[in-house]
Amino acid sequence: MGRPSKALLDRQRIAATALDLVDAEGDFSVPKIARRLGVQTASVYHHVEGRAGIVELLRVRIAEDIDAATLELRPWDAALEAWARSYRAAFAAHPRAIPLLTTSQIAAPEVLAQYERGVATLLEAGFALESVMPVITALENLVLGSALDLAAPEVMWELAPDGSTPLLARALAAAPGPGRADQAFELALGAFMAHVRGLLREG
C-alpha cells in the first residue's frame, strides 16, 4: 500500500482539534484529541510535548488572528489602540481558552515576537524601560477581561421583584442600548490610554 497523500497528523490539526474542544467544553485532553483525529494517544505525543505543548499550540493558533502589523502604526498610541482591538477580537472568538492561556507561561517564539514589537513601539515612543511591561500587562488585563465580557449575557443584572434596588433599576433603564460590553470596553480603553499618555508626559 502506498503512503497516504496527506499526513494523518500534524501540529496544525492537533491545535485545531484542541481549540474545537476548548470552545465546546472549556478544556481538552490528549485522549480526546486523539479520538477525534482517529489516532492513538501516543501518536499525539510524537508531535507535541504533552499538555503544555498543546496549550502553546492554542496560543499560537489564536495569536495568528491578532494583527501584529498594527504595532507598526504611528504614532505609538494609535498602534497600541489598534493592537488592543485586534487582540480583543481574536480572544473574543475563543473566550473559553483564556483561562488556559493566562495560567501558563508564554514560550512560543511566534508569540514572543509580537511582544518584542510591542516593547519596541513603547521604547521608541520614549517610555521608561521599567514602565513598558506594566503598560503591556495592564492593557492585556483590560483586553482579556473585555473578551470574556463579550461572552456574558447582554443584561447581567436580574433585579429583585421586591424593588429593593431602585437606584440600580434606574441606572439600568438609563443605560445606552445594546452593546454593553463594547461600550464598557471603549470607556476602559479610553481611560487607560489617557493615563498611559500621562505617564509618557511625566517621563
Protein backbone atom coordinates (compact mmCIF):
# COMPACT_ATOMS: atom_id res chain seq x y z
CA MET A 1 0.00 0.00 0.00
CA GLY A 2 1.29 3.45 -0.92
CA ARG A 3 1.80 6.20 1.61
CA PRO A 4 -1.21 8.48 2.23
CA SER A 5 -1.20 11.67 0.17
CA LYS A 6 -1.69 13.73 3.32
CA ALA A 7 -0.23 13.14 6.76
CA LEU A 8 -2.80 11.84 9.21
CA LEU A 9 -1.46 14.03 12.00
CA ASP A 10 0.42 17.30 12.34
CA ARG A 11 0.67 20.14 14.83
CA GLN A 12 -1.88 22.26 12.95
CA ARG A 13 -4.53 19.55 13.12
CA ILE A 14 -3.79 18.95 16.79
CA ALA A 15 -4.15 22.68 17.52
CA ALA A 16 -7.40 22.96 15.57
CA THR A 17 -8.90 19.93 17.31
CA ALA A 18 -7.83 21.12 20.76
CA LEU A 19 -9.34 24.54 20.08
CA ASP A 20 -12.61 22.96 18.96
CA LEU A 21 -12.73 21.04 22.24
CA VAL A 22 -11.93 24.13 24.31
CA ASP A 23 -14.58 26.18 22.50
CA ALA A 24 -17.17 23.46 23.16
CA GLU A 25 -16.18 22.20 26.61
CA GLY A 26 -13.77 24.70 28.13
CA ASP A 27 -10.87 22.25 28.19
CA PHE A 28 -9.20 19.43 26.29
CA SER A 29 -7.42 16.19 26.98
CA VAL A 30 -4.88 14.39 24.86
CA PRO A 31 -7.00 11.20 24.66
CA LYS A 32 -9.99 13.26 23.43
CA ILE A 33 -7.85 14.89 20.78
CA ALA A 34 -6.59 11.50 19.66
CA ARG A 35 -10.09 10.06 19.45
CA ARG A 36 -11.32 12.97 17.34
CA LEU A 37 -8.39 12.57 14.99
CA GLY A 38 -8.71 8.79 14.83
CA VAL A 39 -5.22 8.10 16.12
CA GLN A 40 -3.62 6.60 19.20
CA THR A 41 -2.88 8.91 22.12
CA ALA A 42 0.81 8.09 21.80
CA SER A 43 0.77 9.42 18.25
CA VAL A 44 -0.23 12.88 19.51
CA TYR A 45 2.75 12.87 21.86
CA HIS A 46 5.06 12.33 18.89
CA HIS A 47 4.15 15.85 17.72
CA VAL A 48 3.81 17.82 20.97
CA GLU A 49 5.39 17.87 24.40
CA GLY A 50 2.36 16.89 26.43
CA ARG A 51 -0.44 19.15 27.61
CA ALA A 52 1.80 22.20 27.97
CA GLY A 53 2.83 21.84 24.35
CA ILE A 54 -0.79 21.78 23.22
CA VAL A 55 -1.57 24.87 25.28
CA GLU A 56 1.23 26.67 23.42
CA LEU A 57 -0.21 25.47 20.11
CA LEU A 58 -3.52 27.01 21.16
CA ARG A 59 -1.75 30.26 21.99
CA VAL A 60 -0.07 30.35 18.59
CA ARG A 61 -3.30 29.49 16.80
CA ILE A 62 -5.25 32.35 18.44
CA ALA A 63 -2.35 34.79 18.15
CA GLU A 64 -2.39 34.23 14.39
CA ASP A 65 -5.65 36.19 14.36
CA ILE A 66 -4.09 39.20 16.10
CA ASP A 67 -2.91 41.74 13.55
CA ALA A 68 0.67 42.29 14.68
CA ALA A 69 1.15 44.82 11.88
CA THR A 70 -0.88 47.27 13.97
CA LEU A 71 2.20 47.65 16.17
CA GLU A 72 3.97 49.31 13.24
CA LEU A 73 1.42 52.14 13.12
CA ARG A 74 2.47 55.58 14.25
CA PRO A 75 2.00 57.45 16.50
CA TRP A 76 2.53 54.88 19.23
CA ASP A 77 -0.90 55.34 20.80
CA ALA A 78 -2.63 54.55 17.51
CA ALA A 79 -0.55 51.37 17.37
CA LEU A 80 -1.45 50.38 20.93
CA GLU A 81 -5.17 51.02 20.45
CA ALA A 82 -5.31 49.12 17.16
CA TRP A 83 -3.39 46.19 18.65
CA ALA A 84 -5.76 46.12 21.63
CA ARG A 85 -8.82 45.96 19.38
CA SER A 86 -7.35 43.18 17.24
CA TYR A 87 -6.20 41.28 20.35
CA ARG A 88 -9.68 41.54 21.85
CA ALA A 89 -11.36 40.31 18.67
CA ALA A 90 -9.06 37.28 18.46
CA PHE A 91 -9.79 36.18 22.01
CA ALA A 92 -13.48 37.09 21.88
CA ALA A 93 -13.80 34.32 19.28
CA HIS A 94 -12.43 31.81 21.82
CA PRO A 95 -13.20 33.12 25.33
CA ARG A 96 -13.04 29.69 26.95
CA ALA A 97 -9.36 29.46 26.02
CA ILE A 98 -8.49 32.50 28.14
CA PRO A 99 -8.22 30.67 31.50
CA LEU A 100 -5.95 28.05 29.93
CA LEU A 101 -3.61 30.58 28.37
CA THR A 102 -3.42 33.04 31.27
CA THR A 103 -2.29 30.35 33.70
CA SER A 104 0.76 29.19 31.71
CA GLN A 105 3.96 30.91 30.67
CA ILE A 106 4.33 32.23 27.14
CA ALA A 107 7.08 30.35 25.31
CA ALA A 108 6.10 30.21 21.62
CA PRO A 109 8.62 32.20 19.53
CA GLU A 110 5.86 33.44 17.22
CA VAL A 111 4.00 34.98 20.15
CA LEU A 112 7.10 36.33 21.87
CA ALA A 113 7.98 38.11 18.62
CA GLN A 114 4.73 40.05 18.86
CA TYR A 115 5.59 41.19 22.38
CA GLU A 116 9.04 42.20 21.15
CA ARG A 117 7.40 44.51 18.62
CA GLY A 118 5.16 45.95 21.33
CA VAL A 119 8.12 46.66 23.59
CA ALA A 120 9.99 48.29 20.69
CA THR A 121 6.99 50.52 19.94
CA LEU A 122 6.82 51.80 23.52
CA LEU A 123 10.57 52.31 23.87
CA GLU A 124 10.68 54.19 20.59
CA ALA A 125 7.89 56.43 21.88
CA GLY A 126 10.03 57.33 24.88
CA PHE A 127 8.60 55.22 27.69
CA ALA A 128 10.97 54.37 30.52
CA LEU A 129 12.12 50.77 30.35
CA GLU A 130 10.62 49.96 33.73
CA SER A 131 7.20 51.19 32.59
CA VAL A 132 6.95 49.04 29.47
CA MET A 133 5.83 45.69 30.90
CA PRO A 134 3.33 47.22 33.37
CA VAL A 135 1.72 49.07 30.43
CA ILE A 136 1.55 45.92 28.29
CA THR A 137 0.28 43.78 31.17
CA ALA A 138 -2.39 46.29 32.13
CA LEU A 139 -3.57 46.51 28.54
CA GLU A 140 -3.78 42.72 28.34
CA ASN A 141 -5.82 42.63 31.55
CA LEU A 142 -8.26 45.10 30.03
CA VAL A 143 -8.45 43.27 26.70
CA LEU A 144 -8.87 39.76 28.09
CA GLY A 145 -11.44 40.86 30.66
CA SER A 146 -13.43 42.52 27.91
CA ALA A 147 -13.15 39.44 25.68
CA LEU A 148 -14.69 37.40 28.50
CA ASP A 149 -17.37 40.06 28.96
CA LEU A 150 -18.37 39.69 25.32
CA ALA A 151 -19.32 36.08 26.09
CA ALA A 152 -21.53 37.14 29.01
CA PRO A 153 -25.26 37.88 28.78
CA GLU A 154 -26.16 41.29 27.39
CA VAL A 155 -28.08 42.01 30.61
CA MET A 156 -26.05 40.85 33.59
CA TRP A 157 -28.35 42.01 36.39
CA GLU A 158 -31.66 40.39 37.33
CA LEU A 159 -33.48 42.82 39.54
CA ALA A 160 -35.26 41.57 42.64
CA PRO A 161 -39.06 41.71 42.28
CA ASP A 162 -39.42 43.43 45.66
CA GLY A 163 -37.91 46.65 44.31
CA SER A 164 -35.08 46.61 46.83
CA THR A 165 -32.57 48.05 44.34
CA PRO A 166 -34.30 51.13 42.93
CA LEU A 167 -31.10 53.01 42.08
CA LEU A 168 -29.74 50.04 40.14
CA ALA A 169 -33.06 49.74 38.31
CA ARG A 170 -32.93 53.41 37.30
CA ALA A 171 -29.31 53.13 36.19
CA LEU A 172 -30.09 50.09 34.06
CA ALA A 173 -33.07 51.80 32.49
CA ALA A 174 -30.95 54.86 31.66
CA ALA A 175 -28.06 52.85 30.17
CA PRO A 176 -27.47 53.10 26.41
CA GLY A 177 -28.95 50.40 24.18
CA PRO A 178 -27.40 47.09 23.14
CA GLY A 179 -23.65 46.66 23.16
CA ARG A 180 -22.99 46.81 26.90
CA ALA A 181 -19.62 45.05 26.61
CA ASP A 182 -18.45 47.20 23.70
CA GLN A 183 -19.43 50.40 25.50
CA ALA A 184 -17.58 49.31 28.62
CA PHE A 185 -14.51 48.40 26.58
CA GLU A 186 -14.43 51.79 24.86
CA LEU A 187 -14.75 53.56 28.22
CA ALA A 188 -11.98 51.48 29.80
CA LEU A 189 -9.66 51.70 26.79
CA GLY A 190 -10.11 55.47 26.59
CA ALA A 191 -9.32 55.89 30.28
CA PHE A 192 -6.34 53.56 30.01
CA MET A 193 -4.88 55.38 27.03
CA ALA A 194 -5.33 58.77 28.71
CA HIS A 195 -3.46 57.50 31.78
CA VAL A 196 -0.65 55.99 29.72
CA ARG A 197 -0.22 59.22 27.73
CA GLY A 198 0.11 60.95 31.08
CA LEU A 199 2.83 58.50 32.13
CA LEU A 200 4.78 59.33 29.00
CA ARG A 201 4.47 63.09 29.59
CA GLU A 202 5.68 62.63 33.17
CA GLY A 203 8.71 60.75 31.90
